[in-house]
Amino acid sequence: MPRALVDTTVLFAAAYRRDSAHEDALPILRGIDTAELPEAVILDYVLAETLNGLTTHAGHDASVDFLDRVEENTRLHVDSLTADAFATAKGLFRQHKRFSFVDACIVAYMQMEGLGYLY
């Protein structure tokens, strides 16, 4: 089964019970855990956004707990952009006003790795 990329919105909502999308996001992570959904890739930038959001809204302990769970989960893979993908991301960011830089990184990673799934 191919891998899928997971965005900050899903990770944060699944981890933070007060998020309005919590009930929608939780089944995605559970599906990854149970192999009903593909294994997931989390870009380091996405992980940083998620951890920063959790620290702000839920506290440092909750953020560290989430980091530990990500590292312990064999179906979640944290990855970084290559130099070529980073160059592509910078170009995408400059070209598309509505992209955040992390969004540009996600698109560049998906293009370089040939991924077709994003949660």
PDB file of N, CA and C in Angstrom:
ATOM      1  N   MET A   1       0.848  -1.181   0.000  1.00  0.00           N
ATOM      2  CA  MET A   1       0.000   0.000   0.000  1.00  0.00           C
ATOM      3  C   MET A   1       0.895   1.247   0.000  1.00  0.00           C
ATOM      4  N   PRO A   2       0.570   2.250  -0.806  1.00  0.00           N
ATOM      5  CA  PRO A   2       1.393   3.464  -0.844  1.00  0.00           C
ATOM      6  C   PRO A   2       1.267   4.262   0.452  1.00  0.00           C
ATOM      7  N   ARG A   3       2.233   5.124   0.660  1.00  0.00           N
ATOM      8  CA  ARG A   3       2.191   5.993   1.835  1.00  0.00           C
ATOM      9  C   ARG A   3       1.391   7.253   1.525  1.00  0.00           C
ATOM     10  N   ALA A   4       0.904   7.880   2.592  1.00  0.00           N
ATOM     11  CA  ALA A   4       0.180   9.143   2.470  1.00  0.00           C
ATOM     12  C   ALA A   4       0.861  10.182   3.343  1.00  0.00           C
ATOM     13  N   LEU A   5       0.782  11.412   2.928  1.00  0.00           N
ATOM     14  CA  LEU A   5       1.311  12.509   3.719  1.00  0.00           C
ATOM     15  C   LEU A   5       0.206  13.002   4.649  1.00  0.00           C
ATOM     16  N   VAL A   6       0.568  13.392   5.860  1.00  0.00           N
ATOM     17  CA  VAL A   6      -0.410  13.911   6.819  1.00  0.00           C
ATOM     18  C   VAL A   6      -0.067  15.363   7.121  1.00  0.00           C
ATOM     19  N   ASP A   7      -1.086  16.223   7.057  1.00  0.00           N
ATOM     20  CA  ASP A   7      -0.913  17.652   7.281  1.00  0.00           C
ATOM     21  C   ASP A   7      -1.137  18.005   8.753  1.00  0.00           C
ATOM     22  N   THR A   8      -0.686  19.189   9.107  1.00  0.00           N
ATOM     23  CA  THR A   8      -0.809  19.700  10.468  1.00  0.00           C
ATOM     24  C   THR A   8      -2.257  19.699  10.943  1.00  0.00           C
ATOM     25  N   THR A   9      -3.171  20.070  10.071  1.00  0.00           N
ATOM     26  CA  THR A   9      -4.577  20.169  10.460  1.00  0.00           C
ATOM     27  C   THR A   9      -5.086  18.859  11.043  1.00  0.00           C
ATOM     28  N   VAL A  10      -4.754  17.759  10.411  1.00  0.00           N
ATOM     29  CA  VAL A  10      -5.205  16.446  10.878  1.00  0.00           C
ATOM     30  C   VAL A  10      -4.479  16.055  12.159  1.00  0.00           C
ATOM     31  N   LEU A  11      -3.168  16.224  12.180  1.00  0.00           N
ATOM     32  CA  LEU A  11      -2.401  15.833  13.369  1.00  0.00           C
ATOM     33  C   LEU A  11      -2.835  16.623  14.593  1.00  0.00           C
ATOM     34  N   PHE A  12      -2.933  17.938  14.445  1.00  0.00           N
ATOM     35  CA  PHE A  12      -3.308  18.779  15.577  1.00  0.00           C
ATOM     36  C   PHE A  12      -4.717  18.444  16.060  1.00  0.00           C
ATOM     37  N   ALA A  13      -5.654  18.342  15.123  1.00  0.00           N
ATOM     38  CA  ALA A  13      -7.037  18.053  15.505  1.00  0.00           C
ATOM     39  C   ALA A  13      -7.164  16.695  16.185  1.00  0.00           C
ATOM     40  N   ALA A  14      -6.430  15.714  15.718  1.00  0.00           N
ATOM     41  CA  ALA A  14      -6.488  14.389  16.344  1.00  0.00           C
ATOM     42  C   ALA A  14      -5.910  14.420  17.754  1.00  0.00           C
ATOM     43  N   ALA A  15      -4.882  15.220  17.953  1.00  0.00           N
ATOM     44  CA  ALA A  15      -4.202  15.254  19.252  1.00  0.00           C
ATOM     45  C   ALA A  15      -4.865  16.183  20.260  1.00  0.00           C
ATOM     46  N   TYR A  16      -5.579  17.194  19.780  1.00  0.00           N
ATOM     47  CA  TYR A  16      -6.148  18.213  20.666  1.00  0.00           C
ATOM     48  C   TYR A  16      -7.666  18.053  20.723  1.00  0.00           C
ATOM     49  N   ARG A  17      -8.145  17.535  21.831  1.00  0.00           N
ATOM     50  CA  ARG A  17      -9.566  17.187  21.962  1.00  0.00           C
ATOM     51  C   ARG A  17     -10.514  18.368  21.810  1.00  0.00           C
ATOM     52  N   ARG A  18     -10.048  19.559  22.091  1.00  0.00           N
ATOM     53  CA  ARG A  18     -10.912  20.737  21.987  1.00  0.00           C
ATOM     54  C   ARG A  18     -11.013  21.277  20.559  1.00  0.00           C
ATOM     55  N   ASP A  19     -10.231  20.758  19.654  1.00  0.00           N
ATOM     56  CA  ASP A  19     -10.292  21.218  18.266  1.00  0.00           C
ATOM     57  C   ASP A  19     -11.631  20.801  17.655  1.00  0.00           C
ATOM     58  N   SER A  20     -12.220  21.699  16.884  1.00  0.00           N
ATOM     59  CA  SER A  20     -13.537  21.422  16.300  1.00  0.00           C
ATOM     60  C   SER A  20     -13.515  20.250  15.311  1.00  0.00           C
ATOM     61  N   ALA A  21     -12.358  19.917  14.776  1.00  0.00           N
ATOM     62  CA  ALA A  21     -12.247  18.804  13.823  1.00  0.00           C
ATOM     63  C   ALA A  21     -11.731  17.521  14.475  1.00  0.00           C
ATOM     64  N   HIS A  22     -11.681  17.492  15.798  1.00  0.00           N
ATOM     65  CA  HIS A  22     -11.122  16.326  16.502  1.00  0.00           C
ATOM     66  C   HIS A  22     -11.815  15.022  16.095  1.00  0.00           C
ATOM     67  N   GLU A  23     -13.141  15.034  16.080  1.00  0.00           N
ATOM     68  CA  GLU A  23     -13.895  13.812  15.765  1.00  0.00           C
ATOM     69  C   GLU A  23     -13.715  13.377  14.312  1.00  0.00           C
ATOM     70  N   ASP A  24     -13.367  14.295  13.437  1.00  0.00           N
ATOM     71  CA  ASP A  24     -13.099  13.947  12.037  1.00  0.00           C
ATOM     72  C   ASP A  24     -11.676  13.441  11.841  1.00  0.00           C
ATOM     73  N   ALA A  25     -10.738  14.002  12.600  1.00  0.00           N
ATOM     74  CA  ALA A  25      -9.320  13.674  12.420  1.00  0.00           C
ATOM     75  C   ALA A  25      -8.918  12.367  13.099  1.00  0.00           C
ATOM     76  N   LEU A  26      -9.524  12.083  14.229  1.00  0.00           N
ATOM     77  CA  LEU A  26      -9.137  10.895  14.998  1.00  0.00           C
ATOM     78  C   LEU A  26      -9.250   9.599  14.194  1.00  0.00           C
ATOM     79  N   PRO A  27     -10.323   9.375  13.435  1.00  0.00           N
ATOM     80  CA  PRO A  27     -10.400   8.138  12.643  1.00  0.00           C
ATOM     81  C   PRO A  27      -9.299   8.011  11.591  1.00  0.00           C
ATOM     82  N   ILE A  28      -8.770   9.127  11.125  1.00  0.00           N
ATOM     83  CA  ILE A  28      -7.679   9.051  10.150  1.00  0.00           C
ATOM     84  C   ILE A  28      -6.445   8.452  10.808  1.00  0.00           C
ATOM     85  N   LEU A  29      -6.074   8.965  11.978  1.00  0.00           N
ATOM     86  CA  LEU A  29      -4.899   8.400  12.663  1.00  0.00           C
ATOM     87  C   LEU A  29      -5.151   6.970  13.114  1.00  0.00           C
ATOM     88  N   ARG A  30      -6.370   6.679  13.544  1.00  0.00           N
ATOM     89  CA  ARG A  30      -6.689   5.296  13.925  1.00  0.00           C
ATOM     90  C   ARG A  30      -6.597   4.373  12.715  1.00  0.00           C
ATOM     91  N   GLY A  31      -7.067   4.847  11.561  1.00  0.00           N
ATOM     92  CA  GLY A  31      -6.982   4.056  10.336  1.00  0.00           C
ATOM     93  C   GLY A  31      -5.546   3.780   9.924  1.00  0.00           C
ATOM     94  N   ILE A  32      -4.678   4.753  10.138  1.00  0.00           N
ATOM     95  CA  ILE A  32      -3.251   4.542   9.869  1.00  0.00           C
ATOM     96  C   ILE A  32      -2.706   3.497  10.833  1.00  0.00           C
ATOM     97  N   ASP A  33      -3.066   3.623  12.111  1.00  0.00           N
ATOM     98  CA  ASP A  33      -2.596   2.676  13.133  1.00  0.00           C
ATOM     99  C   ASP A  33      -3.029   1.241  12.846  1.00  0.00           C
ATOM    100  N   THR A  34      -4.261   1.067  12.372  1.00  0.00           N
ATOM    101  CA  THR A  34      -4.801  -0.280  12.163  1.00  0.00           C
ATOM    102  C   THR A  34      -4.532  -0.825  10.765  1.00  0.00           C
ATOM    103  N   ALA A  35      -3.845  -0.060   9.937  1.00  0.00           N
ATOM    104  CA  ALA A  35      -3.507  -0.436   8.558  1.00  0.00           C
ATOM    105  C   ALA A  35      -4.718  -0.429   7.631  1.00  0.00           C
ATOM    106  N   GLU A  36      -5.828   0.164   8.062  1.00  0.00           N
ATOM    107  CA  GLU A  36      -6.955   0.367   7.156  1.00  0.00           C
ATOM    108  C   GLU A  36      -6.627   1.470   6.154  1.00  0.00           C
ATOM    109  N   LEU A  37      -5.724   2.357   6.546  1.00  0.00           N
ATOM    110  CA  LEU A  37      -5.228   3.426   5.686  1.00  0.00           C
ATOM    111  C   LEU A  37      -3.730   3.235   5.496  1.00  0.00           C
ATOM    112  N   PRO A  38      -3.168   3.847   4.469  1.00  0.00           N
ATOM    113  CA  PRO A  38      -1.723   3.696   4.229  1.00  0.00           C
ATOM    114  C   PRO A  38      -0.875   4.217   5.385  1.00  0.00           C
ATOM    115  N   GLU A  39       0.352   3.706   5.466  1.00  0.00           N
ATOM    116  CA  GLU A  39       1.313   4.285   6.398  1.00  0.00           C
ATOM    117  C   GLU A  39       1.465   5.757   6.060  1.00  0.00           C
ATOM    118  N   ALA A  40       1.874   6.547   7.040  1.00  0.00           N
ATOM    119  CA  ALA A  40       1.887   7.995   6.850  1.00  0.00           C
ATOM    120  C   ALA A  40       3.284   8.579   6.969  1.00  0.00           C
ATOM    121  N   VAL A  41       3.500   9.615   6.180  1.00  0.00           N
ATOM    122  CA  VAL A  41       4.712  10.418   6.253  1.00  0.00           C
ATOM    123  C   VAL A  41       4.328  11.760   6.859  1.00  0.00           C
ATOM    124  N   ILE A  42       5.133  12.204   7.808  1.00  0.00           N
ATOM    125  CA  ILE A  42       4.962  13.520   8.413  1.00  0.00           C
ATOM    126  C   ILE A  42       6.230  14.305   8.118  1.00  0.00           C
ATOM    127  N   LEU A  43       6.101  15.395   7.380  1.00  0.00           N
ATOM    128  CA  LEU A  43       7.269  16.238   7.147  1.00  0.00           C
ATOM    129  C   LEU A  43       7.709  16.877   8.455  1.00  0.00           C
ATOM    130  N   ASP A  44       9.002  17.066   8.605  1.00  0.00           N
ATOM    131  CA  ASP A  44       9.508  17.683   9.827  1.00  0.00           C
ATOM    132  C   ASP A  44       8.895  19.063  10.058  1.00  0.00           C
ATOM    133  N   TYR A  45       8.616  19.803   8.989  1.00  0.00           N
ATOM    134  CA  TYR A  45       7.969  21.112   9.125  1.00  0.00           C
ATOM    135  C   TYR A  45       6.554  20.965   9.685  1.00  0.00           C
ATOM    136  N   VAL A  46       5.838  19.957   9.233  1.00  0.00           N
ATOM    137  CA  VAL A  46       4.487  19.685   9.713  1.00  0.00           C
ATOM    138  C   VAL A  46       4.534  19.272  11.179  1.00  0.00           C
ATOM    139  N   LEU A  47       5.492  18.437  11.531  1.00  0.00           N
ATOM    140  CA  LEU A  47       5.636  18.036  12.925  1.00  0.00           C
ATOM    141  C   LEU A  47       5.915  19.253  13.800  1.00  0.00           C
ATOM    142  N   ALA A  48       6.783  20.148  13.336  1.00  0.00           N
ATOM    143  CA  ALA A  48       7.098  21.360  14.103  1.00  0.00           C
ATOM    144  C   ALA A  48       5.850  22.220  14.293  1.00  0.00           C
ATOM    145  N   GLU A  49       5.077  22.419  13.232  1.00  0.00           N
ATOM    146  CA  GLU A  49       3.832  23.191  13.349  1.00  0.00           C
ATOM    147  C   GLU A  49       2.882  22.556  14.353  1.00  0.00           C
ATOM    148  N   THR A  50       2.754  21.245  14.279  1.00  0.00           N
ATOM    149  CA  THR A  50       1.846  20.531  15.171  1.00  0.00           C
ATOM    150  C   THR A  50       2.295  20.655  16.618  1.00  0.00           C
ATOM    151  N   LEU A  51       3.571  20.423  16.864  1.00  0.00           N
ATOM    152  CA  LEU A  51       4.086  20.500  18.235  1.00  0.00           C
ATOM    153  C   LEU A  51       3.975  21.915  18.787  1.00  0.00           C
ATOM    154  N   ASN A  52       4.249  22.914  17.959  1.00  0.00           N
ATOM    155  CA  ASN A  52       4.115  24.298  18.415  1.00  0.00           C
ATOM    156  C   ASN A  52       2.666  24.620  18.766  1.00  0.00           C
ATOM    157  N   GLY A  53       1.738  24.170  17.937  1.00  0.00           N
ATOM    158  CA  GLY A  53       0.319  24.387  18.222  1.00  0.00           C
ATOM    159  C   GLY A  53      -0.125  23.693  19.492  1.00  0.00           C
ATOM    160  N   LEU A  54       0.325  22.465  19.677  1.00  0.00           N
ATOM    161  CA  LEU A  54      -0.029  21.741  20.898  1.00  0.00           C
ATOM    162  C   LEU A  54       0.564  22.407  22.131  1.00  0.00           C
ATOM    163  N   THR A  55       1.795  22.879  22.029  1.00  0.00           N
ATOM    164  CA  THR A  55       2.415  23.565  23.160  1.00  0.00           C
ATOM    165  C   THR A  55       1.604  24.805  23.527  1.00  0.00           C
ATOM    166  N   THR A  56       1.184  25.563  22.532  1.00  0.00           N
ATOM    167  CA  THR A  56       0.408  26.781  22.771  1.00  0.00           C
ATOM    168  C   THR A  56      -0.959  26.478  23.373  1.00  0.00           C
ATOM    169  N   HIS A  57      -1.653  25.483  22.851  1.00  0.00           N
ATOM    170  CA  HIS A  57      -3.039  25.233  23.245  1.00  0.00           C
ATOM    171  C   HIS A  57      -3.214  24.188  24.344  1.00  0.00           C
ATOM    172  N   ALA A  58      -2.319  23.228  24.421  1.00  0.00           N
ATOM    173  CA  ALA A  58      -2.490  22.135  25.390  1.00  0.00           C
ATOM    174  C   ALA A  58      -1.351  22.045  26.393  1.00  0.00           C
ATOM    175  N   GLY A  59      -0.239  22.720  26.126  1.00  0.00           N
ATOM    176  CA  GLY A  59       0.889  22.706  27.051  1.00  0.00           C
ATOM    177  C   GLY A  59       2.036  21.831  26.571  1.00  0.00           C
ATOM    178  N   HIS A  60       3.174  22.060  27.189  1.00  0.00           N
ATOM    179  CA  HIS A  60       4.405  21.362  26.806  1.00  0.00           C
ATOM    180  C   HIS A  60       4.298  19.855  26.993  1.00  0.00           C
ATOM    181  N   ASP A  61       3.721  19.419  28.108  1.00  0.00           N
ATOM    182  CA  ASP A  61       3.616  17.975  28.365  1.00  0.00           C
ATOM    183  C   ASP A  61       2.810  17.267  27.275  1.00  0.00           C
ATOM    184  N   ALA A  62       1.715  17.874  26.856  1.00  0.00           N
ATOM    185  CA  ALA A  62       0.897  17.273  25.795  1.00  0.00           C
ATOM    186  C   ALA A  62       1.671  17.213  24.482  1.00  0.00           C
ATOM    187  N   SER A  63       2.446  18.243  24.225  1.00  0.00           N
ATOM    188  CA  SER A  63       3.252  18.282  23.007  1.00  0.00           C
ATOM    189  C   SER A  63       4.325  17.194  23.022  1.00  0.00           C
ATOM    190  N   VAL A  64       5.003  17.045  24.139  1.00  0.00           N
ATOM    191  CA  VAL A  64       6.031  16.001  24.273  1.00  0.00           C
ATOM    192  C   VAL A  64       5.399  14.619  24.172  1.00  0.00           C
ATOM    193  N   ASP A  65       4.232  14.441  24.776  1.00  0.00           N
ATOM    194  CA  ASP A  65       3.535  13.156  24.693  1.00  0.00           C
ATOM    195  C   ASP A  65       3.210  12.814  23.236  1.00  0.00           C
ATOM    196  N   PHE A  66       2.754  13.802  22.482  1.00  0.00           N
ATOM    197  CA  PHE A  66       2.449  13.561  21.072  1.00  0.00           C
ATOM    198  C   PHE A  66       3.711  13.203  20.294  1.00  0.00           C
ATOM    199  N   LEU A  67       4.792  13.928  20.544  1.00  0.00           N
ATOM    200  CA  LEU A  67       6.070  13.620  19.888  1.00  0.00           C
ATOM    201  C   LEU A  67       6.497  12.187  20.189  1.00  0.00           C
ATOM    202  N   ASP A  68       6.382  11.780  21.444  1.00  0.00           N
ATOM    203  CA  ASP A  68       6.735  10.410  21.823  1.00  0.00           C
ATOM    204  C   ASP A  68       5.887   9.392  21.066  1.00  0.00           C
ATOM    205  N   ARG A  69       4.586   9.664  20.956  1.00  0.00           N
ATOM    206  CA  ARG A  69       3.697   8.737  20.254  1.00  0.00           C
ATOM    207  C   ARG A  69       4.038   8.648  18.769  1.00  0.00           C
ATOM    208  N   VAL A  70       4.397   9.763  18.177  1.00  0.00           N
ATOM    209  CA  VAL A  70       4.805   9.743  16.763  1.00  0.00           C
ATOM    210  C   VAL A  70       6.063   8.899  16.599  1.00  0.00           C
ATOM    211  N   GLU A  71       7.041   9.113  17.465  1.00  0.00           N
ATOM    212  CA  GLU A  71       8.308   8.378  17.351  1.00  0.00           C
ATOM    213  C   GLU A  71       8.146   6.885  17.605  1.00  0.00           C
ATOM    214  N   GLU A  72       7.203   6.504  18.443  1.00  0.00           N
ATOM    215  CA  GLU A  72       6.996   5.093  18.785  1.00  0.00           C
ATOM    216  C   GLU A  72       6.146   4.352  17.752  1.00  0.00           C
ATOM    217  N   ASN A  73       5.425   5.070  16.926  1.00  0.00           N
ATOM    218  CA  ASN A  73       4.502   4.462  15.973  1.00  0.00           C
ATOM    219  C   ASN A  73       5.252   4.063  14.698  1.00  0.00           C
ATOM    220  N   THR A  74       5.320   2.785  14.438  1.00  0.00           N
ATOM    221  CA  THR A  74       6.072   2.284  13.279  1.00  0.00           C
ATOM    222  C   THR A  74       5.381   2.567  11.949  1.00  0.00           C
ATOM    223  N   ARG A  75       4.148   3.042  11.989  1.00  0.00           N
ATOM    224  CA  ARG A  75       3.416   3.363  10.755  1.00  0.00           C
ATOM    225  C   ARG A  75       3.449   4.852  10.430  1.00  0.00           C
ATOM    226  N   LEU A  76       4.106   5.631  11.283  1.00  0.00           N
ATOM    227  CA  LEU A  76       4.312   7.058  11.043  1.00  0.00           C
ATOM    228  C   LEU A  76       5.792   7.292  10.786  1.00  0.00           C
ATOM    229  N   HIS A  77       6.107   7.969   9.709  1.00  0.00           N
ATOM    230  CA  HIS A  77       7.495   8.181   9.306  1.00  0.00           C
ATOM    231  C   HIS A  77       7.756   9.676   9.150  1.00  0.00           C
ATOM    232  N   VAL A  78       8.633  10.215   9.978  1.00  0.00           N
ATOM    233  CA  VAL A  78       9.005  11.623   9.874  1.00  0.00           C
ATOM    234  C   VAL A  78      10.112  11.731   8.831  1.00  0.00           C
ATOM    235  N   ASP A  79       9.937  12.651   7.893  1.00  0.00           N
ATOM    236  CA  ASP A  79      10.907  12.807   6.813  1.00  0.00           C
ATOM    237  C   ASP A  79      11.178  14.288   6.587  1.00  0.00           C
ATOM    238  N   SER A  80      12.278  14.561   5.908  1.00  0.00           N
ATOM    239  CA  SER A  80      12.696  15.925   5.582  1.00  0.00           C
ATOM    240  C   SER A  80      12.771  16.088   4.071  1.00  0.00           C
ATOM    241  N   LEU A  81      12.714  17.318   3.635  1.00  0.00           N
ATOM    242  CA  LEU A  81      12.873  17.605   2.214  1.00  0.00           C
ATOM    243  C   LEU A  81      14.326  17.441   1.799  1.00  0.00           C
ATOM    244  N   THR A  82      14.535  16.948   0.596  1.00  0.00           N
ATOM    245  CA  THR A  82      15.870  16.971   0.004  1.00  0.00           C
ATOM    246  C   THR A  82      16.165  18.413  -0.415  1.00  0.00           C
ATOM    247  N   ALA A  83      17.398  18.682  -0.774  1.00  0.00           N
ATOM    248  CA  ALA A  83      17.760  20.021  -1.247  1.00  0.00           C
ATOM    249  C   ALA A  83      16.962  20.385  -2.501  1.00  0.00           C
ATOM    250  N   ASP A  84      16.762  19.429  -3.392  1.00  0.00           N
ATOM    251  CA  ASP A  84      15.983  19.689  -4.608  1.00  0.00           C
ATOM    252  C   ASP A  84      14.518  19.984  -4.286  1.00  0.00           C
ATOM    253  N   ALA A  85      13.946  19.214  -3.368  1.00  0.00           N
ATOM    254  CA  ALA A  85      12.552  19.442  -2.984  1.00  0.00           C
ATOM    255  C   ALA A  85      12.401  20.788  -2.282  1.00  0.00           C
ATOM    256  N   PHE A  86      13.393  21.166  -1.482  1.00  0.00           N
ATOM    257  CA  PHE A  86      13.363  22.461  -0.805  1.00  0.00           C
ATOM    258  C   PHE A  86      13.398  23.599  -1.825  1.00  0.00           C
ATOM    259  N   ALA A  87      14.226  23.453  -2.852  1.00  0.00           N
ATOM    260  CA  ALA A  87      14.279  24.459  -3.917  1.00  0.00           C
ATOM    261  C   ALA A  87      12.929  24.550  -4.635  1.00  0.00           C
ATOM    262  N   THR A  88      12.314  23.408  -4.880  1.00  0.00           N
ATOM    263  CA  THR A  88      10.989  23.392  -5.496  1.00  0.00           C
ATOM    264  C   THR A  88       9.975  24.079  -4.598  1.00  0.00           C
ATOM    265  N   ALA A  89      10.042  23.806  -3.299  1.00  0.00           N
ATOM    266  CA  ALA A  89       9.117  24.419  -2.338  1.00  0.00           C
ATOM    267  C   ALA A  89       9.254  25.938  -2.334  1.00  0.00           C
ATOM    268  N   LYS A  90      10.476  26.427  -2.381  1.00  0.00           N
ATOM    269  CA  LYS A  90      10.682  27.879  -2.411  1.00  0.00           C
ATOM    270  C   LYS A  90      10.054  28.487  -3.661  1.00  0.00           C
ATOM    271  N   GLY A  91      10.222  27.811  -4.785  1.00  0.00           N
ATOM    272  CA  GLY A  91       9.612  28.292  -6.022  1.00  0.00           C
ATOM    273  C   GLY A  91       8.091  28.300  -5.951  1.00  0.00           C
ATOM    274  N   LEU A  92       7.521  27.231  -5.406  1.00  0.00           N
ATOM    275  CA  LEU A  92       6.068  27.158  -5.255  1.00  0.00           C
ATOM    276  C   LEU A  92       5.552  28.248  -4.324  1.00  0.00           C
ATOM    277  N   PHE A  93       6.277  28.484  -3.243  1.00  0.00           N
ATOM    278  CA  PHE A  93       5.883  29.513  -2.282  1.00  0.00           C
ATOM    279  C   PHE A  93       5.885  30.894  -2.938  1.00  0.00           C
ATOM    280  N   ARG A  94       6.887  31.160  -3.717  1.00  0.00           N
ATOM    281  CA  ARG A  94       6.964  32.455  -4.409  1.00  0.00           C
ATOM    282  C   ARG A  94       5.852  32.607  -5.452  1.00  0.00           C
ATOM    283  N   GLN A  95       5.470  31.506  -6.059  1.00  0.00           N
ATOM    284  CA  GLN A  95       4.507  31.522  -7.158  1.00  0.00           C
ATOM    285  C   GLN A  95       3.055  31.600  -6.681  1.00  0.00           C
ATOM    286  N   HIS A  96       2.746  30.996  -5.551  1.00  0.00           N
ATOM    287  CA  HIS A  96       1.352  30.873  -5.095  1.00  0.00           C
ATOM    288  C   HIS A  96       1.129  31.673  -3.817  1.00  0.00           C
ATOM    289  N   LYS A  97       0.423  32.788  -3.944  1.00  0.00           N
ATOM    290  CA  LYS A  97       0.197  33.685  -2.808  1.00  0.00           C
ATOM    291  C   LYS A  97      -0.546  33.023  -1.654  1.00  0.00           C
ATOM    292  N   ARG A  98      -1.401  32.085  -1.953  1.00  0.00           N
ATOM    293  CA  ARG A  98      -2.234  31.475  -0.907  1.00  0.00           C
ATOM    294  C   ARG A  98      -1.531  30.341  -0.162  1.00  0.00           C
ATOM    295  N   PHE A  99      -0.381  29.907  -0.655  1.00  0.00           N
ATOM    296  CA  PHE A  99       0.362  28.829   0.012  1.00  0.00           C
ATOM    297  C   PHE A  99       1.098  29.368   1.230  1.00  0.00           C
ATOM    298  N   SER A 100       0.996  28.652   2.324  1.00  0.00           N
ATOM    299  CA  SER A 100       1.966  28.871   3.397  1.00  0.00           C
ATOM    300  C   SER A 100       3.259  28.193   2.944  1.00  0.00           C
ATOM    301  N   PHE A 101       4.353  28.500   3.602  1.00  0.00           N
ATOM    302  CA  PHE A 101       5.598  27.841   3.214  1.00  0.00           C
ATOM    303  C   PHE A 101       5.511  26.338   3.459  1.00  0.00           C
ATOM    304  N   VAL A 102       4.864  25.944   4.538  1.00  0.00           N
ATOM    305  CA  VAL A 102       4.720  24.509   4.820  1.00  0.00           C
ATOM    306  C   VAL A 102       3.866  23.841   3.748  1.00  0.00           C
ATOM    307  N   ASP A 103       2.814  24.509   3.292  1.00  0.00           N
ATOM    308  CA  ASP A 103       2.014  23.953   2.191  1.00  0.00           C
ATOM    309  C   ASP A 103       2.870  23.739   0.948  1.00  0.00           C
ATOM    310  N   ALA A 104       3.720  24.703   0.646  1.00  0.00           N
ATOM    311  CA  ALA A 104       4.617  24.572  -0.506  1.00  0.00           C
ATOM    312  C   ALA A 104       5.560  23.387  -0.323  1.00  0.00           C
ATOM    313  N   CYS A 105       6.029  23.188   0.896  1.00  0.00           N
ATOM    314  CA  CYS A 105       6.901  22.038   1.188  1.00  0.00           C
ATOM    315  C   CYS A 105       6.159  20.723   0.989  1.00  0.00           C
ATOM    316  N   ILE A 106       4.909  20.685   1.406  1.00  0.00           N
ATOM    317  CA  ILE A 106       4.099  19.477   1.243  1.00  0.00           C
ATOM    318  C   ILE A 106       3.923  19.149  -0.239  1.00  0.00           C
ATOM    319  N   VAL A 107       3.561  20.142  -1.027  1.00  0.00           N
ATOM    320  CA  VAL A 107       3.365  19.918  -2.461  1.00  0.00           C
ATOM    321  C   VAL A 107       4.670  19.467  -3.114  1.00  0.00           C
ATOM    322  N   ALA A 108       5.767  20.125  -2.772  1.00  0.00           N
ATOM    323  CA  ALA A 108       7.066  19.750  -3.343  1.00  0.00           C
ATOM    324  C   ALA A 108       7.428  18.317  -2.974  1.00  0.00           C
ATOM    325  N   TYR A 109       7.212  17.935  -1.720  1.00  0.00           N
ATOM    326  CA  TYR A 109       7.522  16.575  -1.275  1.00  0.00           C
ATOM    327  C   TYR A 109       6.674  15.564  -2.044  1.00  0.00           C
ATOM    328  N   MET A 110       5.385  15.859  -2.167  1.00  0.00           N
ATOM    329  CA  MET A 110       4.500  14.937  -2.871  1.00  0.00           C
ATOM    330  C   MET A 110       4.923  14.776  -4.327  1.00  0.00           C
ATOM    331  N   GLN A 111       5.319  15.863  -4.959  1.00  0.00           N
ATOM    332  CA  GLN A 111       5.781  15.789  -6.347  1.00  0.00           C
ATOM    333  C   GLN A 111       7.052  14.963  -6.456  1.00  0.00           C
ATOM    334  N   MET A 112       8.008  15.218  -5.588  1.00  0.00           N
ATOM    335  CA  MET A 112       9.305  14.534  -5.657  1.00  0.00           C
ATOM    336  C   MET A 112       9.182  13.046  -5.322  1.00  0.00           C
ATOM    337  N   GLU A 113       8.297  12.719  -4.383  1.00  0.00           N
ATOM    338  CA  GLU A 113       8.164  11.328  -3.937  1.00  0.00           C
ATOM    339  C   GLU A 113       7.070  10.570  -4.684  1.00  0.00           C
ATOM    340  N   GLY A 114       6.312  11.261  -5.500  1.00  0.00           N
ATOM    341  CA  GLY A 114       5.236  10.609  -6.240  1.00  0.00           C
ATOM    342  C   GLY A 114       4.078  10.171  -5.361  1.00  0.00           C
ATOM    343  N   LEU A 115       3.839  10.893  -4.280  1.00  0.00           N
ATOM    344  CA  LEU A 115       2.730  10.549  -3.386  1.00  0.00           C
ATOM    345  C   LEU A 115       1.431  11.148  -3.911  1.00  0.00           C
ATOM    346  N   GLY A 116       0.367  10.393  -3.808  1.00  0.00           N
ATOM    347  CA  GLY A 116      -0.923  10.855  -4.289  1.00  0.00           C
ATOM    348  C   GLY A 116      -1.962  11.040  -3.212  1.00  0.00           C
ATOM    349  N   TYR A 117      -1.592  10.831  -1.958  1.00  0.00           N
ATOM    350  CA  TYR A 117      -2.551  10.917  -0.860  1.00  0.00           C
ATOM    351  C   TYR A 117      -2.078  11.929   0.170  1.00  0.00           C
ATOM    352  N   LEU A 118      -2.998  12.779   0.598  1.00  0.00           N
ATOM    353  CA  LEU A 118      -2.724  13.755   1.644  1.00  0.00           C
ATOM    354  C   LEU A 118      -3.922  13.805   2.570  1.00  0.00           C
ATOM    355  N   TYR A 119      -3.655  13.644   3.858  1.00  0.00           N
ATOM    356  CA  TYR A 119      -4.720  13.790   4.863  1.00  0.00           C
ATOM    357  C   TYR A 119      -4.475  15.068   5.620  1.00  0.00           C
TER     358      TYR A 119
END
